[in-house]
């Protein structure tokens, strides 16, 4: 569809998710039309964050109105927009953290993100048996470490999906099933972290919440604390304190004895925090 010189094209990815591409000089500094809470605001009018984005915001508004008209009578009659952005140059994972590695998971979105920062992306589907899904991911970890990877990230959505059922017994059973498989984590030869990206409460009126999630760190040389159980309340008493997302890689790199000292700048890569593997030596004849 073309609106005011901008071409809109939609590509489905999974379930109710898709990617909308806007070509022709669009500006990505536009607010979301997705308010997340459909009982309060079914859809929002897009707003320009800067004057230069006003024409893009109005074209997105017209696109949304046209979609609603075309989908009238269907089960879903609106496509909401969120997370505007465009590809921009960013340091690779190796440039920033000094590690080469792999991302393992089902999500096309996350695998695409991994490729954007130079991680090898391996598709590992999820089934109705989360325990078997986790077992396969743990096998992948062993394979990738044996192949020489320095960093392996595995993603499993089963606990999140269990939370979205809003049935506490389903979430408890899922966590218990997965917990039984974690004994084979390679804590004897690697720094291992187990955590979640957000809390998914099982009460009906909340999608995700901002509550802290437990974070486990183990491996050779990692100092133990008194915490014996993996849970929100128990882990709150641990020696790591309350970490934020940006703290995770420095904590892992420190545990692996590969941190970049604060203030040290041996590379030109923005945000570098790991001992660099990409250096330019000064050669002397």
C-alpha atoms as a PDB file:
ATOM      1  CA  UNK A   1       0.000   0.000   0.000  1.00  0.00           C
ATOM      2  CA  UNK A   2       1.283   3.503  -0.824  1.00  0.00           C
ATOM      3  CA  UNK A   3       0.382   6.500   1.329  1.00  0.00           C
ATOM      4  CA  UNK A   4       1.761   9.976   0.602  1.00  0.00           C
ATOM      5  CA  UNK A   5       4.794   8.611  -1.213  1.00  0.00           C
ATOM      6  CA  UNK A   6       5.597   5.936   1.398  1.00  0.00           C
ATOM      7  CA  UNK A   7       5.264   2.254   0.549  1.00  0.00           C
ATOM      8  CA  UNK A   8       3.960  -0.012   3.334  1.00  0.00           C
ATOM      9  CA  UNK A   9       4.534  -3.794   3.074  1.00  0.00           C
ATOM     10  CA  UNK A  10       3.626  -6.349   5.754  1.00  0.00           C
ATOM     11  CA  UNK A  11       5.392  -9.693   6.272  1.00  0.00           C
ATOM     12  CA  UNK A  12       3.983 -12.236   8.735  1.00  0.00           C
ATOM     13  CA  UNK A  13       6.496 -13.858  11.126  1.00  0.00           C
ATOM     14  CA  UNK A  14       4.637 -15.966  13.731  1.00  0.00           C
ATOM     15  CA  UNK A  15       1.186 -16.150  15.325  1.00  0.00           C
ATOM     16  CA  UNK A  16      -0.122 -12.582  15.516  1.00  0.00           C
ATOM     17  CA  UNK A  17       3.242 -10.953  14.837  1.00  0.00           C
ATOM     18  CA  UNK A  18       4.540  -9.350  11.658  1.00  0.00           C
ATOM     19  CA  UNK A  19       7.113  -6.870  10.375  1.00  0.00           C
ATOM     20  CA  UNK A  20       5.935  -3.721   8.601  1.00  0.00           C
ATOM     21  CA  UNK A  21       8.461  -2.177   6.224  1.00  0.00           C
ATOM     22  CA  UNK A  22       8.004   1.467   5.259  1.00  0.00           C
ATOM     23  CA  UNK A  23      10.042   2.602   2.262  1.00  0.00           C
ATOM     24  CA  UNK A  24      10.457   5.937   0.543  1.00  0.00           C
ATOM     25  CA  UNK A  25      12.212   8.102   3.120  1.00  0.00           C
ATOM     26  CA  UNK A  26      10.232   7.271   6.265  1.00  0.00           C
ATOM     27  CA  UNK A  27      11.317   8.580   9.652  1.00  0.00           C
ATOM     28  CA  UNK A  28      11.334   6.038  12.517  1.00  0.00           C
ATOM     29  CA  UNK A  29      10.822   8.620  15.261  1.00  0.00           C
ATOM     30  CA  UNK A  30       7.114   7.823  15.628  1.00  0.00           C
ATOM     31  CA  UNK A  31       5.162   6.606  18.675  1.00  0.00           C
ATOM     32  CA  UNK A  32       3.428   3.227  18.941  1.00  0.00           C
ATOM     33  CA  UNK A  33      -0.221   2.699  18.076  1.00  0.00           C
ATOM     34  CA  UNK A  34      -0.216  -0.397  20.297  1.00  0.00           C
ATOM     35  CA  UNK A  35      -1.265   0.575  23.832  1.00  0.00           C
ATOM     36  CA  UNK A  36      -0.867  -3.036  25.097  1.00  0.00           C
ATOM     37  CA  UNK A  37      -4.067  -2.759  27.159  1.00  0.00           C
ATOM     38  CA  UNK A  38      -6.896  -3.143  24.650  1.00  0.00           C
ATOM     39  CA  UNK A  39      -9.618  -2.744  27.286  1.00  0.00           C
ATOM     40  CA  UNK A  40      -8.387   0.818  27.920  1.00  0.00           C
ATOM     41  CA  UNK A  41      -7.187   1.969  24.501  1.00  0.00           C
ATOM     42  CA  UNK A  42      -7.829  -0.355  21.547  1.00  0.00           C
ATOM     43  CA  UNK A  43      -5.467   1.612  19.271  1.00  0.00           C
ATOM     44  CA  UNK A  44      -3.568   4.883  19.581  1.00  0.00           C
ATOM     45  CA  UNK A  45      -2.999   7.642  17.043  1.00  0.00           C
ATOM     46  CA  UNK A  46       0.696   7.715  16.045  1.00  0.00           C
ATOM     47  CA  UNK A  47       2.572  10.832  17.123  1.00  0.00           C
ATOM     48  CA  UNK A  48       5.758  12.334  15.701  1.00  0.00           C
ATOM     49  CA  UNK A  49       8.591  12.580  18.221  1.00  0.00           C
ATOM     50  CA  UNK A  50      10.259  15.303  16.128  1.00  0.00           C
ATOM     51  CA  UNK A  51       8.808  17.646  13.471  1.00  0.00           C
ATOM     52  CA  UNK A  52      10.680  15.792  10.699  1.00  0.00           C
ATOM     53  CA  UNK A  53       8.646  12.644  11.434  1.00  0.00           C
ATOM     54  CA  UNK A  54       5.217  14.281  11.150  1.00  0.00           C
ATOM     55  CA  UNK A  55       4.593  13.129   7.556  1.00  0.00           C
ATOM     56  CA  UNK A  56       5.510   9.531   8.482  1.00  0.00           C
ATOM     57  CA  UNK A  57       3.190   9.618  11.507  1.00  0.00           C
ATOM     58  CA  UNK A  58       0.270  10.860   9.413  1.00  0.00           C
ATOM     59  CA  UNK A  59       0.938   8.247   6.715  1.00  0.00           C
ATOM     60  CA  UNK A  60       1.017   5.540   9.425  1.00  0.00           C
ATOM     61  CA  UNK A  61      -2.295   6.863  10.723  1.00  0.00           C
ATOM     62  CA  UNK A  62      -3.852   6.633   7.272  1.00  0.00           C
ATOM     63  CA  UNK A  63      -2.417   3.136   6.775  1.00  0.00           C
ATOM     64  CA  UNK A  64      -3.973   2.060  10.097  1.00  0.00           C
ATOM     65  CA  UNK A  65      -7.374   3.511   9.191  1.00  0.00           C
ATOM     66  CA  UNK A  66      -7.315   1.753   5.819  1.00  0.00           C
ATOM     67  CA  UNK A  67      -6.378  -1.570   7.430  1.00  0.00           C
ATOM     68  CA  UNK A  68      -9.289  -1.264   9.882  1.00  0.00           C
ATOM     69  CA  UNK A  69     -11.678  -0.588   6.980  1.00  0.00           C
ATOM     70  CA  UNK A  70     -10.395  -3.539   4.943  1.00  0.00           C
ATOM     71  CA  UNK A  71     -10.557  -5.942   7.891  1.00  0.00           C
ATOM     72  CA  UNK A  72     -14.086  -4.978   8.936  1.00  0.00           C
ATOM     73  CA  UNK A  73     -16.015  -8.073   9.929  1.00  0.00           C
ATOM     74  CA  UNK A  74     -12.899 -10.183  10.515  1.00  0.00           C
ATOM     75  CA  UNK A  75     -12.015 -11.675  13.898  1.00  0.00           C
ATOM     76  CA  UNK A  76      -9.050  -9.286  14.146  1.00  0.00           C
ATOM     77  CA  UNK A  77      -9.747  -5.943  12.535  1.00  0.00           C
ATOM     78  CA  UNK A  78      -6.677  -3.886  13.402  1.00  0.00           C
ATOM     79  CA  UNK A  79      -2.899  -4.176  13.124  1.00  0.00           C
ATOM     80  CA  UNK A  80      -1.162  -2.145  15.825  1.00  0.00           C
ATOM     81  CA  UNK A  81       2.338  -0.771  15.349  1.00  0.00           C
ATOM     82  CA  UNK A  82       5.191  -0.660  17.855  1.00  0.00           C
ATOM     83  CA  UNK A  83       8.964  -0.533  18.091  1.00  0.00           C
ATOM     84  CA  UNK A  84       9.727   1.615  15.067  1.00  0.00           C
ATOM     85  CA  UNK A  85      13.358   1.450  14.024  1.00  0.00           C
ATOM     86  CA  UNK A  86      15.823   1.183  11.190  1.00  0.00           C
ATOM     87  CA  UNK A  87      19.108  -0.718  10.767  1.00  0.00           C
ATOM     88  CA  UNK A  88      21.996   1.269  12.200  1.00  0.00           C
ATOM     89  CA  UNK A  89      25.703   0.443  12.534  1.00  0.00           C
ATOM     90  CA  UNK A  90      26.417  -1.179  15.912  1.00  0.00           C
ATOM     91  CA  UNK A  91      29.450  -3.023  17.284  1.00  0.00           C
ATOM     92  CA  UNK A  92      29.293  -6.780  16.859  1.00  0.00           C
ATOM     93  CA  UNK A  93      29.077  -9.021  19.911  1.00  0.00           C
ATOM     94  CA  UNK A  94      32.756  -9.846  19.528  1.00  0.00           C
ATOM     95  CA  UNK A  95      33.740  -6.191  19.141  1.00  0.00           C
ATOM     96  CA  UNK A  96      31.846  -5.210  22.280  1.00  0.00           C
ATOM     97  CA  UNK A  97      32.405  -8.225  24.542  1.00  0.00           C
ATOM     98  CA  UNK A  98      35.474  -9.920  23.046  1.00  0.00           C
ATOM     99  CA  UNK A  99      33.660 -13.246  22.558  1.00  0.00           C
ATOM    100  CA  UNK A 100      32.611 -15.344  19.575  1.00  0.00           C
ATOM    101  CA  UNK A 101      29.499 -17.429  19.975  1.00  0.00           C
ATOM    102  CA  UNK A 102      26.063 -18.754  19.199  1.00  0.00           C
ATOM    103  CA  UNK A 103      22.400 -18.054  19.868  1.00  0.00           C
ATOM    104  CA  UNK A 104      20.077 -21.067  20.054  1.00  0.00           C
ATOM    105  CA  UNK A 105      16.294 -20.670  19.999  1.00  0.00           C
ATOM    106  CA  UNK A 106      13.055 -20.849  18.061  1.00  0.00           C
ATOM    107  CA  UNK A 107      12.176 -17.149  17.831  1.00  0.00           C
ATOM    108  CA  UNK A 108      12.857 -15.731  14.354  1.00  0.00           C
ATOM    109  CA  UNK A 109      12.995 -12.263  15.904  1.00  0.00           C
ATOM    110  CA  UNK A 110      15.713 -13.233  18.392  1.00  0.00           C
ATOM    111  CA  UNK A 111      17.666 -15.231  15.837  1.00  0.00           C
ATOM    112  CA  UNK A 112      17.597 -12.213  13.528  1.00  0.00           C
ATOM    113  CA  UNK A 113      18.842 -10.017  16.354  1.00  0.00           C
ATOM    114  CA  UNK A 114      21.652 -12.499  17.011  1.00  0.00           C
ATOM    115  CA  UNK A 115      22.727 -12.398  13.370  1.00  0.00           C
ATOM    116  CA  UNK A 116      22.709  -8.581  13.417  1.00  0.00           C
ATOM    117  CA  UNK A 117      25.401  -8.597  16.111  1.00  0.00           C
ATOM    118  CA  UNK A 118      27.457 -11.393  14.603  1.00  0.00           C
ATOM    119  CA  UNK A 119      26.360 -14.406  16.639  1.00  0.00           C
ATOM    120  CA  UNK A 120      25.716 -17.649  14.785  1.00  0.00           C
ATOM    121  CA  UNK A 121      21.970 -18.296  14.958  1.00  0.00           C
ATOM    122  CA  UNK A 122      20.755 -21.886  15.319  1.00  0.00           C
ATOM    123  CA  UNK A 123      17.050 -22.648  15.079  1.00  0.00           C
ATOM    124  CA  UNK A 124      15.863 -25.013  17.812  1.00  0.00           C
ATOM    125  CA  UNK A 125      12.065 -25.512  17.698  1.00  0.00           C
ATOM    126  CA  UNK A 126       9.801 -25.790  20.722  1.00  0.00           C
ATOM    127  CA  UNK A 127       7.186 -28.511  21.148  1.00  0.00           C
ATOM    128  CA  UNK A 128       4.515 -29.499  23.656  1.00  0.00           C
ATOM    129  CA  UNK A 129       7.268 -31.108  25.753  1.00  0.00           C
ATOM    130  CA  UNK A 130       9.323 -28.265  27.290  1.00  0.00           C
ATOM    131  CA  UNK A 131      11.490 -30.727  29.208  1.00  0.00           C
ATOM    132  CA  UNK A 132      12.636 -32.383  25.983  1.00  0.00           C
ATOM    133  CA  UNK A 133      13.091 -28.949  24.397  1.00  0.00           C
ATOM    134  CA  UNK A 134      15.399 -27.888  27.220  1.00  0.00           C
ATOM    135  CA  UNK A 135      17.292 -31.167  27.045  1.00  0.00           C
ATOM    136  CA  UNK A 136      18.047 -30.552  23.362  1.00  0.00           C
ATOM    137  CA  UNK A 137      19.251 -27.033  24.176  1.00  0.00           C
ATOM    138  CA  UNK A 138      21.589 -28.340  26.857  1.00  0.00           C
ATOM    139  CA  UNK A 139      23.002 -30.767  24.314  1.00  0.00           C
ATOM    140  CA  UNK A 140      23.563 -27.832  21.963  1.00  0.00           C
ATOM    141  CA  UNK A 141      25.546 -26.074  24.681  1.00  0.00           C
ATOM    142  CA  UNK A 142      27.886 -29.056  24.981  1.00  0.00           C
ATOM    143  CA  UNK A 143      28.249 -29.240  21.185  1.00  0.00           C
ATOM    144  CA  UNK A 144      29.054 -25.559  20.797  1.00  0.00           C
ATOM    145  CA  UNK A 145      31.536 -25.477  23.678  1.00  0.00           C
ATOM    146  CA  UNK A 146      33.274 -28.531  22.217  1.00  0.00           C
ATOM    147  CA  UNK A 147      33.434 -26.732  18.867  1.00  0.00           C
ATOM    148  CA  UNK A 148      35.284 -23.823  20.476  1.00  0.00           C
ATOM    149  CA  UNK A 149      32.517 -21.299  21.134  1.00  0.00           C
ATOM    150  CA  UNK A 150      33.303 -18.826  23.897  1.00  0.00           C
ATOM    151  CA  UNK A 151      29.676 -17.747  24.422  1.00  0.00           C
ATOM    152  CA  UNK A 152      26.446 -19.725  24.031  1.00  0.00           C
ATOM    153  CA  UNK A 153      23.007 -18.243  24.647  1.00  0.00           C
ATOM    154  CA  UNK A 154      19.971 -20.556  24.672  1.00  0.00           C
ATOM    155  CA  UNK A 155      16.394 -19.305  24.800  1.00  0.00           C
ATOM    156  CA  UNK A 156      13.292 -21.231  25.877  1.00  0.00           C
ATOM    157  CA  UNK A 157       9.871 -19.582  25.890  1.00  0.00           C
ATOM    158  CA  UNK A 158       8.004 -22.343  27.726  1.00  0.00           C
ATOM    159  CA  UNK A 159       7.942 -20.644  31.135  1.00  0.00           C
ATOM    160  CA  UNK A 160       6.708 -17.383  29.600  1.00  0.00           C
ATOM    161  CA  UNK A 161       3.922 -19.209  27.756  1.00  0.00           C
ATOM    162  CA  UNK A 162       3.003 -21.040  30.961  1.00  0.00           C
ATOM    163  CA  UNK A 163       2.658 -17.685  32.706  1.00  0.00           C
ATOM    164  CA  UNK A 164       0.380 -16.419  29.952  1.00  0.00           C
ATOM    165  CA  UNK A 165      -2.066 -19.259  30.625  1.00  0.00           C
ATOM    166  CA  UNK A 166      -2.817 -17.361  33.878  1.00  0.00           C
ATOM    167  CA  UNK A 167      -3.020 -20.738  35.627  1.00  0.00           C
ATOM    168  CA  UNK A 168      -0.499 -20.889  38.510  1.00  0.00           C
ATOM    169  CA  UNK A 169      -0.535 -24.682  38.534  1.00  0.00           C
ATOM    170  CA  UNK A 170       0.529 -24.807  34.858  1.00  0.00           C
ATOM    171  CA  UNK A 171       3.412 -22.431  35.478  1.00  0.00           C
ATOM    172  CA  UNK A 172       4.524 -24.341  38.580  1.00  0.00           C
ATOM    173  CA  UNK A 173       4.452 -27.679  36.725  1.00  0.00           C
ATOM    174  CA  UNK A 174       6.444 -26.208  33.819  1.00  0.00           C
ATOM    175  CA  UNK A 175       9.122 -24.771  36.100  1.00  0.00           C
ATOM    176  CA  UNK A 176       9.387 -28.030  38.049  1.00  0.00           C
ATOM    177  CA  UNK A 177       9.780 -30.026  34.828  1.00  0.00           C
ATOM    178  CA  UNK A 178      12.526 -27.754  33.540  1.00  0.00           C
ATOM    179  CA  UNK A 179      14.300 -27.621  36.898  1.00  0.00           C
ATOM    180  CA  UNK A 180      14.785 -31.369  36.757  1.00  0.00           C
ATOM    181  CA  UNK A 181      16.915 -30.990  33.597  1.00  0.00           C
ATOM    182  CA  UNK A 182      19.317 -28.306  34.821  1.00  0.00           C
ATOM    183  CA  UNK A 183      21.667 -30.697  36.584  1.00  0.00           C
ATOM    184  CA  UNK A 184      23.615 -31.193  33.344  1.00  0.00           C
ATOM    185  CA  UNK A 185      24.595 -27.538  32.968  1.00  0.00           C
ATOM    186  CA  UNK A 186      28.383 -27.358  32.318  1.00  0.00           C
ATOM    187  CA  UNK A 187      29.278 -25.554  35.539  1.00  0.00           C
ATOM    188  CA  UNK A 188      32.523 -27.548  35.735  1.00  0.00           C
ATOM    189  CA  UNK A 189      34.013 -25.899  32.645  1.00  0.00           C
ATOM    190  CA  UNK A 190      32.048 -22.722  31.889  1.00  0.00           C
ATOM    191  CA  UNK A 191      30.532 -19.687  33.552  1.00  0.00           C
ATOM    192  CA  UNK A 192      26.797 -20.388  33.587  1.00  0.00           C
ATOM    193  CA  UNK A 193      23.909 -17.959  34.113  1.00  0.00           C
ATOM    194  CA  UNK A 194      20.249 -18.918  34.427  1.00  0.00           C
ATOM    195  CA  UNK A 195      17.627 -16.180  34.426  1.00  0.00           C
ATOM    196  CA  UNK A 196      14.583 -14.752  32.636  1.00  0.00           C
ATOM    197  CA  UNK A 197      14.116 -11.567  30.648  1.00  0.00           C
ATOM    198  CA  UNK A 198      11.029 -10.477  32.594  1.00  0.00           C
ATOM    199  CA  UNK A 199       8.443 -11.612  35.112  1.00  0.00           C
ATOM    200  CA  UNK A 200       5.193 -13.122  33.800  1.00  0.00           C
ATOM    201  CA  UNK A 201       2.705 -13.160  36.695  1.00  0.00           C
ATOM    202  CA  UNK A 202      -0.167 -15.636  36.474  1.00  0.00           C
ATOM    203  CA  UNK A 203      -2.882 -13.295  37.687  1.00  0.00           C
ATOM    204  CA  UNK A 204      -5.249 -12.253  34.881  1.00  0.00           C
ATOM    205  CA  UNK A 205      -4.901  -8.473  34.748  1.00  0.00           C
ATOM    206  CA  UNK A 206      -1.147  -8.336  34.086  1.00  0.00           C
ATOM    207  CA  UNK A 207       0.768  -9.323  30.928  1.00  0.00           C
ATOM    208  CA  UNK A 208       4.356  -8.835  32.124  1.00  0.00           C
ATOM    209  CA  UNK A 209       5.541  -7.023  35.224  1.00  0.00           C
ATOM    210  CA  UNK A 210       8.606  -5.073  36.274  1.00  0.00           C
ATOM    211  CA  UNK A 211       9.365  -7.340  39.228  1.00  0.00           C
ATOM    212  CA  UNK A 212      12.978  -8.573  39.508  1.00  0.00           C
ATOM    213  CA  UNK A 213      13.680 -12.085  38.254  1.00  0.00           C
ATOM    214  CA  UNK A 214      16.074 -14.548  39.916  1.00  0.00           C
ATOM    215  CA  UNK A 215      19.601 -14.709  38.501  1.00  0.00           C
ATOM    216  CA  UNK A 216      21.923 -17.660  39.045  1.00  0.00           C
ATOM    217  CA  UNK A 217      25.671 -17.482  38.404  1.00  0.00           C
ATOM    218  CA  UNK A 218      27.867 -20.569  38.726  1.00  0.00           C
ATOM    219  CA  UNK A 219      31.084 -22.007  37.369  1.00  0.00           C
ATOM    220  CA  UNK A 220      34.794 -22.421  38.079  1.00  0.00           C
ATOM    221  CA  UNK A 221      36.009 -19.782  40.525  1.00  0.00           C
ATOM    222  CA  UNK A 222      32.585 -18.219  41.091  1.00  0.00           C
ATOM    223  CA  UNK A 223      32.142 -17.266  44.734  1.00  0.00           C
ATOM    224  CA  UNK A 224      29.173 -19.001  46.379  1.00  0.00           C
ATOM    225  CA  UNK A 225      26.758 -17.298  48.738  1.00  0.00           C
ATOM    226  CA  UNK A 226      24.236 -18.654  51.223  1.00  0.00           C
ATOM    227  CA  UNK A 227      21.296 -18.867  48.778  1.00  0.00           C
ATOM    228  CA  UNK A 228      20.134 -22.465  48.319  1.00  0.00           C
ATOM    229  CA  UNK A 229      16.971 -22.042  46.195  1.00  0.00           C
ATOM    230  CA  UNK A 230      16.277 -20.424  42.808  1.00  0.00           C
ATOM    231  CA  UNK A 231      13.382 -18.058  43.358  1.00  0.00           C
ATOM    232  CA  UNK A 232      12.567 -14.365  43.529  1.00  0.00           C
ATOM    233  CA  UNK A 233      12.628 -14.035  47.310  1.00  0.00           C
ATOM    234  CA  UNK A 234      15.603 -16.322  47.859  1.00  0.00           C
ATOM    235  CA  UNK A 235      17.804 -14.746  45.173  1.00  0.00           C
ATOM    236  CA  UNK A 236      17.065 -11.252  46.493  1.00  0.00           C
ATOM    237  CA  UNK A 237      19.326 -12.155  49.432  1.00  0.00           C
ATOM    238  CA  UNK A 238      22.263 -13.126  47.202  1.00  0.00           C
ATOM    239  CA  UNK A 239      25.608 -11.345  46.933  1.00  0.00           C
ATOM    240  CA  UNK A 240      24.955 -10.127  43.380  1.00  0.00           C
ATOM    241  CA  UNK A 241      22.370  -7.643  44.582  1.00  0.00           C
ATOM    242  CA  UNK A 242      19.822  -6.129  42.190  1.00  0.00           C
ATOM    243  CA  UNK A 243      21.254  -6.251  38.660  1.00  0.00           C
ATOM    244  CA  UNK A 244      19.937  -4.399  35.628  1.00  0.00           C
ATOM    245  CA  UNK A 245      20.143  -5.650  32.046  1.00  0.00           C
ATOM    246  CA  UNK A 246      23.297  -3.696  31.275  1.00  0.00           C
ATOM    247  CA  UNK A 247      25.046  -5.309  34.249  1.00  0.00           C
ATOM    248  CA  UNK A 248      24.729  -8.889  33.019  1.00  0.00           C
ATOM    249  CA  UNK A 249      27.606  -9.090  30.524  1.00  0.00           C
ATOM    250  CA  UNK A 250      30.109  -7.271  32.792  1.00  0.00           C
ATOM    251  CA  UNK A 251      29.195  -9.673  35.612  1.00  0.00           C
ATOM    252  CA  UNK A 252      29.676 -12.701  33.350  1.00  0.00           C
ATOM    253  CA  UNK A 253      32.923 -11.359  31.909  1.00  0.00           C
ATOM    254  CA  UNK A 254      34.256 -10.671  35.404  1.00  0.00           C
ATOM    255  CA  UNK A 255      33.406 -14.210  36.512  1.00  0.00           C
ATOM    256  CA  UNK A 256      35.247 -15.522  33.436  1.00  0.00           C
ATOM    257  CA  UNK A 257      38.271 -13.300  34.225  1.00  0.00           C
ATOM    258  CA  UNK A 258      37.767 -11.439  30.940  1.00  0.00           C
ATOM    259  CA  UNK A 259      36.578  -7.968  31.952  1.00  0.00           C
ATOM    260  CA  UNK A 260      37.826  -4.733  30.469  1.00  0.00           C
ATOM    261  CA  UNK A 261      39.045  -2.495  33.279  1.00  0.00           C
ATOM    262  CA  UNK A 262      36.867   0.590  33.757  1.00  0.00           C
ATOM    263  CA  UNK A 263      38.322   3.477  31.799  1.00  0.00           C
ATOM    264  CA  UNK A 264      40.528   1.240  29.647  1.00  0.00           C
ATOM    265  CA  UNK A 265      40.075   1.870  25.899  1.00  0.00           C
ATOM    266  CA  UNK A 266      42.182  -0.550  23.832  1.00  0.00           C
ATOM    267  CA  UNK A 267      39.534  -0.642  21.088  1.00  0.00           C
ATOM    268  CA  UNK A 268      37.451   1.937  19.261  1.00  0.00           C
ATOM    269  CA  UNK A 269      34.192   0.033  19.706  1.00  0.00           C
ATOM    270  CA  UNK A 270      31.414   1.790  21.607  1.00  0.00           C
ATOM    271  CA  UNK A 271      30.403   0.152  24.883  1.00  0.00           C
ATOM    272  CA  UNK A 272      33.255  -2.374  24.903  1.00  0.00           C
ATOM    273  CA  UNK A 273      33.356  -4.173  28.258  1.00  0.00           C
ATOM    274  CA  UNK A 274      35.209  -7.433  27.619  1.00  0.00           C
ATOM    275  CA  UNK A 275      38.880  -8.222  27.127  1.00  0.00           C
ATOM    276  CA  UNK A 276      39.200  -7.604  23.377  1.00  0.00           C
ATOM    277  CA  UNK A 277      39.864 -10.344  20.855  1.00  0.00           C
ATOM    278  CA  UNK A 278      40.106  -7.821  18.013  1.00  0.00           C
ATOM    279  CA  UNK A 279      43.173  -5.627  18.503  1.00  0.00           C
ATOM    280  CA  UNK A 280      45.469  -3.706  16.177  1.00  0.00           C
ATOM    281  CA  UNK A 281      49.046  -4.367  17.303  1.00  0.00           C
ATOM    282  CA  UNK A 282      51.836  -1.842  16.837  1.00  0.00           C
ATOM    283  CA  UNK A 283      54.347  -3.609  14.611  1.00  0.00           C
ATOM    284  CA  UNK A 284      58.026  -2.681  14.844  1.00  0.00           C
ATOM    285  CA  UNK A 285      60.544  -3.701  12.201  1.00  0.00           C
END
